[in-house]
Amino acid sequence: MRYGAPVRVLGIDPGSRHTGYGVVESKGGRLKLLACGTLSPGEGLPIASRLAAIDRGLREVVTRLAPEAASVEEVYHAVNARSALVLGQARGVAMVAAASASIEVFEYSASEIKRAVSGSGRAGKEQVARMVAMLLGVEAPGDEHACDAIAAAICHLNRTRIPASSSGAKPIEALPAVKSATVSSGAPRRGTRGASAMQRARPAVIPPAPATAGRRQGRVGTKR
């Protein structure tokens, strides 16, 4: 994605009974909602028929609006193993519907999506819906499933609002988790396990103690 160029992202809130979708465009630093809705095949249908209906609906959205990327919420909890399995199937269908059109798929946790639109990873659905409406300048962008999908799209757009030359944007699953580490000028503490790669690659250099150091000799570079 070129920095400053218009970008369209398809956000998906997967579910076997209700799958929300929302296409958001970012242009000149402003967000615009192009389309949103909820695919509800019908709870009385077999799971295979529901998944097929979700696949057809998402493919139609992709063909009509041509998004450049798709943002999908990760599975973070389920009532039981069966519910987790069914939710995973719906999520897989959503990802395939986007990937089959050569759209790169990105994944974000629910807390990341909430934090991107509301500033809090523990925000409730009502707070997320209010912030989505405020960011887009609309009154009611859709039901809770559509709002969650729109929030997923906004989350990805917020992540890519930096120059492409420095961002190296890649799918979330391709990026390892990195913990920041502060490298001190002195020697590393004794007994510290799991030192950072930077500390291992650049060991501290301890200067020789002056002859007049007296009793303080041997403490150079050691933190209290």
Protein backbone atom coordinates (compact mmCIF):
# COMPACT_ATOMS: atom_id res chain seq x y z
CA MET A 1 0.00 0.00 0.00
CA ARG A 2 1.34 3.44 -0.95
CA TYR A 3 1.44 6.01 1.80
CA GLY A 4 -1.27 8.62 1.29
CA ALA A 5 -3.08 6.63 -1.41
CA PRO A 6 -6.75 5.63 -0.91
CA VAL A 7 -6.99 2.24 0.78
CA ARG A 8 -10.05 0.00 1.08
CA VAL A 9 -10.24 -2.64 3.78
CA LEU A 10 -12.87 -5.31 4.28
CA GLY A 11 -13.50 -6.01 7.95
CA ILE A 12 -15.11 -9.33 8.88
CA ASP A 13 -16.72 -10.43 12.15
CA PRO A 14 -17.09 -14.19 11.51
CA GLY A 15 -19.89 -16.35 12.85
CA SER A 16 -21.85 -19.35 11.61
CA ARG A 17 -25.20 -17.71 12.40
CA HIS A 18 -24.31 -14.07 11.80
CA THR A 19 -21.25 -12.80 9.92
CA GLY A 20 -20.77 -9.06 9.88
CA TYR A 21 -18.85 -7.22 7.19
CA GLY A 22 -17.83 -3.64 6.57
CA VAL A 23 -15.76 -1.96 3.86
CA VAL A 24 -13.99 1.22 4.95
CA GLU A 25 -11.88 3.49 2.77
CA SER A 26 -9.13 5.74 4.06
CA LYS A 27 -8.36 8.75 1.87
CA GLY A 28 -6.40 11.78 2.91
CA GLY A 29 -6.52 10.75 6.55
CA ARG A 30 -10.33 10.52 6.55
CA LEU A 31 -12.41 7.38 6.91
CA LYS A 32 -15.45 6.65 4.75
CA LEU A 33 -17.87 3.76 5.10
CA LEU A 34 -18.61 2.24 1.70
CA ALA A 35 -20.81 -0.68 2.73
CA CYS A 36 -21.69 -2.81 5.72
CA GLY A 37 -24.15 -5.49 6.67
CA THR A 38 -24.73 -8.85 8.33
CA LEU A 39 -25.02 -12.20 6.56
CA SER A 40 -27.58 -14.34 8.41
CA PRO A 41 -28.24 -17.56 6.44
CA GLY A 42 -30.78 -18.91 8.94
CA GLU A 43 -30.25 -21.00 12.05
CA GLY A 44 -32.48 -23.79 10.72
CA LEU A 45 -30.12 -24.59 7.85
CA PRO A 46 -27.40 -27.24 8.10
CA ILE A 47 -23.97 -25.90 8.94
CA ALA A 48 -22.69 -26.65 5.43
CA SER A 49 -25.47 -24.58 3.85
CA ARG A 50 -24.85 -21.69 6.23
CA LEU A 51 -21.14 -21.67 5.45
CA ALA A 52 -21.85 -21.75 1.72
CA ALA A 53 -24.21 -18.76 2.05
CA ILE A 54 -21.57 -16.80 4.00
CA ASP A 55 -18.99 -17.60 1.34
CA ARG A 56 -21.27 -16.40 -1.47
CA GLY A 57 -22.16 -13.20 0.39
CA LEU A 58 -18.56 -12.24 1.13
CA ARG A 59 -17.42 -13.02 -2.41
CA GLU A 60 -20.15 -10.74 -3.74
CA VAL A 61 -18.94 -7.91 -1.48
CA VAL A 62 -15.34 -8.44 -2.60
CA THR A 63 -16.31 -8.43 -6.29
CA ARG A 64 -18.46 -5.31 -5.95
CA LEU A 65 -16.13 -3.14 -3.83
CA ALA A 66 -12.65 -4.56 -4.57
CA PRO A 67 -10.93 -4.05 -1.20
CA GLU A 68 -7.13 -4.25 -1.05
CA ALA A 69 -6.98 -6.06 2.29
CA ALA A 70 -9.17 -7.97 4.71
CA SER A 71 -9.11 -7.73 8.50
CA VAL A 72 -10.54 -10.63 10.52
CA GLU A 73 -11.02 -10.93 14.26
CA GLU A 74 -9.18 -13.80 15.89
CA VAL A 75 -11.06 -16.49 17.82
CA TYR A 76 -10.44 -15.79 21.50
CA HIS A 77 -13.09 -17.73 23.40
CA ALA A 78 -16.07 -20.02 22.98
CA VAL A 79 -18.66 -21.56 25.28
CA ASN A 80 -17.53 -25.11 24.49
CA ALA A 81 -15.41 -27.13 22.07
CA ARG A 82 -18.24 -27.53 19.56
CA SER A 83 -18.91 -23.79 19.49
CA ALA A 84 -15.21 -23.13 18.98
CA LEU A 85 -15.14 -25.61 16.10
CA VAL A 86 -18.15 -24.06 14.36
CA LEU A 87 -16.79 -20.54 14.85
CA GLY A 88 -13.46 -21.65 13.44
CA GLN A 89 -15.20 -23.05 10.37
CA ALA A 90 -17.00 -19.74 9.73
CA ARG A 91 -13.75 -17.86 10.20
CA GLY A 92 -12.00 -20.17 7.73
CA VAL A 93 -14.72 -19.59 5.12
CA ALA A 94 -14.37 -15.83 5.55
CA MET A 95 -10.61 -15.98 5.10
CA VAL A 96 -10.88 -18.19 2.01
CA ALA A 97 -13.49 -15.88 0.46
CA ALA A 98 -11.02 -13.01 0.70
CA ALA A 99 -7.85 -14.93 -0.12
CA SER A 100 -9.39 -16.51 -3.23
CA ALA A 101 -9.62 -12.99 -4.69
CA SER A 102 -5.88 -12.45 -4.00
CA ILE A 103 -6.66 -10.18 -1.04
CA GLU A 104 -4.14 -10.28 1.78
CA VAL A 105 -5.77 -11.29 5.06
CA PHE A 106 -4.70 -9.80 8.40
CA GLU A 107 -5.70 -10.97 11.87
CA TYR A 108 -6.22 -8.96 15.06
CA SER A 109 -7.34 -9.91 18.54
CA ALA A 110 -10.58 -8.54 19.93
CA SER A 111 -8.68 -6.35 22.41
CA GLU A 112 -6.53 -4.85 19.63
CA ILE A 113 -9.64 -3.97 17.61
CA LYS A 114 -11.38 -2.39 20.59
CA ARG A 115 -8.27 -0.41 21.50
CA ALA A 116 -7.93 0.89 17.92
CA VAL A 117 -11.38 2.51 17.91
CA SER A 118 -12.01 3.33 21.58
CA GLY A 119 -8.60 3.49 23.25
CA SER A 120 -9.47 0.63 25.60
CA GLY A 121 -9.06 -3.08 24.99
CA ARG A 122 -11.93 -3.79 27.38
CA ALA A 123 -14.54 -1.53 25.81
CA GLY A 124 -18.08 -2.88 25.57
CA LYS A 125 -20.00 -3.33 22.34
CA GLU A 126 -22.04 -0.17 22.88
CA GLN A 127 -18.91 1.94 23.39
CA VAL A 128 -17.30 0.43 20.28
CA ALA A 129 -20.45 1.16 18.25
CA ARG A 130 -20.49 4.80 19.42
CA MET A 131 -16.86 5.32 18.55
CA VAL A 132 -17.27 3.66 15.14
CA ALA A 133 -20.16 6.01 14.35
CA MET A 134 -18.12 9.01 15.53
CA LEU A 135 -15.05 8.07 13.48
CA LEU A 136 -17.13 7.57 10.34
CA GLY A 137 -19.46 10.51 10.89
CA VAL A 138 -22.61 8.40 10.63
CA GLU A 139 -25.48 7.79 13.03
CA ALA A 140 -26.02 4.02 12.84
CA PRO A 141 -23.48 2.05 10.79
CA GLY A 142 -25.29 -1.27 11.34
CA ASP A 143 -26.05 -3.90 13.95
CA GLU A 144 -23.50 -5.21 16.45
CA HIS A 145 -22.02 -7.70 13.97
CA ALA A 146 -21.54 -5.05 11.29
CA CYS A 147 -20.08 -2.62 13.85
CA ASP A 148 -17.54 -5.22 14.98
CA ALA A 149 -16.55 -5.82 11.36
CA ILE A 150 -16.17 -2.10 10.68
CA ALA A 151 -14.03 -1.79 13.82
CA ALA A 152 -11.77 -4.57 12.49
CA ALA A 153 -11.32 -2.64 9.24
CA ILE A 154 -10.52 0.58 11.11
CA CYS A 155 -8.00 -1.29 13.26
CA HIS A 156 -6.06 -2.38 10.19
CA LEU A 157 -6.21 1.08 8.63
CA ASN A 158 -4.77 2.57 11.82
CA ARG A 159 -1.93 0.07 11.71
CA THR A 160 -0.99 1.00 8.13
CA ARG A 161 -1.03 4.81 8.48
CA ILE A 162 2.75 5.05 8.23
CA PRO A 163 5.04 5.31 5.18
CA ALA A 164 5.36 2.02 3.31
CA SER A 165 9.18 2.44 3.15
CA SER A 166 9.41 2.14 6.93
CA SER A 167 6.40 0.01 7.82
CA GLY A 168 7.06 -3.15 5.81
CA ALA A 169 3.41 -4.05 6.37
CA LYS A 170 2.87 -7.78 6.50
CA PRO A 171 0.10 -10.07 7.69
CA ILE A 172 -0.11 -10.06 11.46
CA GLU A 173 0.55 -13.78 11.72
CA ALA A 174 3.88 -13.28 9.91
CA LEU A 175 5.21 -10.83 12.51
CA PRO A 176 6.77 -12.31 15.67
CA ALA A 177 6.00 -10.67 18.98
CA VAL A 178 8.76 -8.26 19.97
CA LYS A 179 9.31 -7.01 23.48
CA SER A 180 11.09 -3.70 23.92
CA ALA A 181 14.28 -3.82 25.96
CA THR A 182 16.39 -1.03 27.46
CA VAL A 183 20.13 -1.55 27.05
CA SER A 184 22.14 0.01 29.85
CA SER A 185 25.64 1.34 29.47
CA GLY A 186 26.88 -0.78 32.34
CA ALA A 187 27.28 -4.53 32.70
CA PRO A 188 24.14 -6.68 32.73
CA ARG A 189 22.77 -7.71 36.10
CA ARG A 190 23.86 -11.03 37.50
CA GLY A 191 21.27 -13.76 37.58
CA THR A 192 19.22 -12.23 34.73
CA ARG A 193 17.76 -14.96 32.54
CA GLY A 194 16.56 -14.52 28.98
CA ALA A 195 18.64 -11.41 28.16
CA SER A 196 17.61 -9.63 25.00
CA ALA A 197 19.29 -10.38 21.67
CA MET A 198 20.69 -6.84 21.62
CA GLN A 199 22.32 -7.31 25.00
CA ARG A 200 23.84 -10.62 23.94
CA ALA A 201 25.13 -9.15 20.68
CA ARG A 202 26.58 -6.02 22.31
CA PRO A 203 28.07 -6.91 25.73
CA ALA A 204 28.93 -3.99 27.94
CA VAL A 205 32.60 -2.96 28.02
CA ILE A 206 33.86 -2.36 31.53
CA PRO A 207 36.72 0.19 31.67
CA PRO A 208 39.68 -0.65 33.92
CA ALA A 209 39.36 0.74 37.41
CA PRO A 210 41.79 3.55 38.36
CA ALA A 211 44.51 2.69 40.83
CA THR A 212 43.03 5.11 43.38
CA ALA A 213 39.63 3.46 43.40
CA GLY A 214 40.25 2.05 46.88
CA ARG A 215 37.36 0.14 48.39
CA ARG A 216 35.05 1.05 45.45
CA GLN A 217 37.19 -1.06 43.10
CA GLY A 218 35.25 -3.94 41.51
CA ARG A 219 31.91 -2.13 41.52
CA VAL A 220 32.41 -0.40 38.19
CA GLY A 221 29.49 -1.05 35.84
CA THR A 222 27.43 -2.83 38.50
CA LYS A 223 23.91 -1.55 39.15
CA ARG A 224 22.53 -1.41 42.66
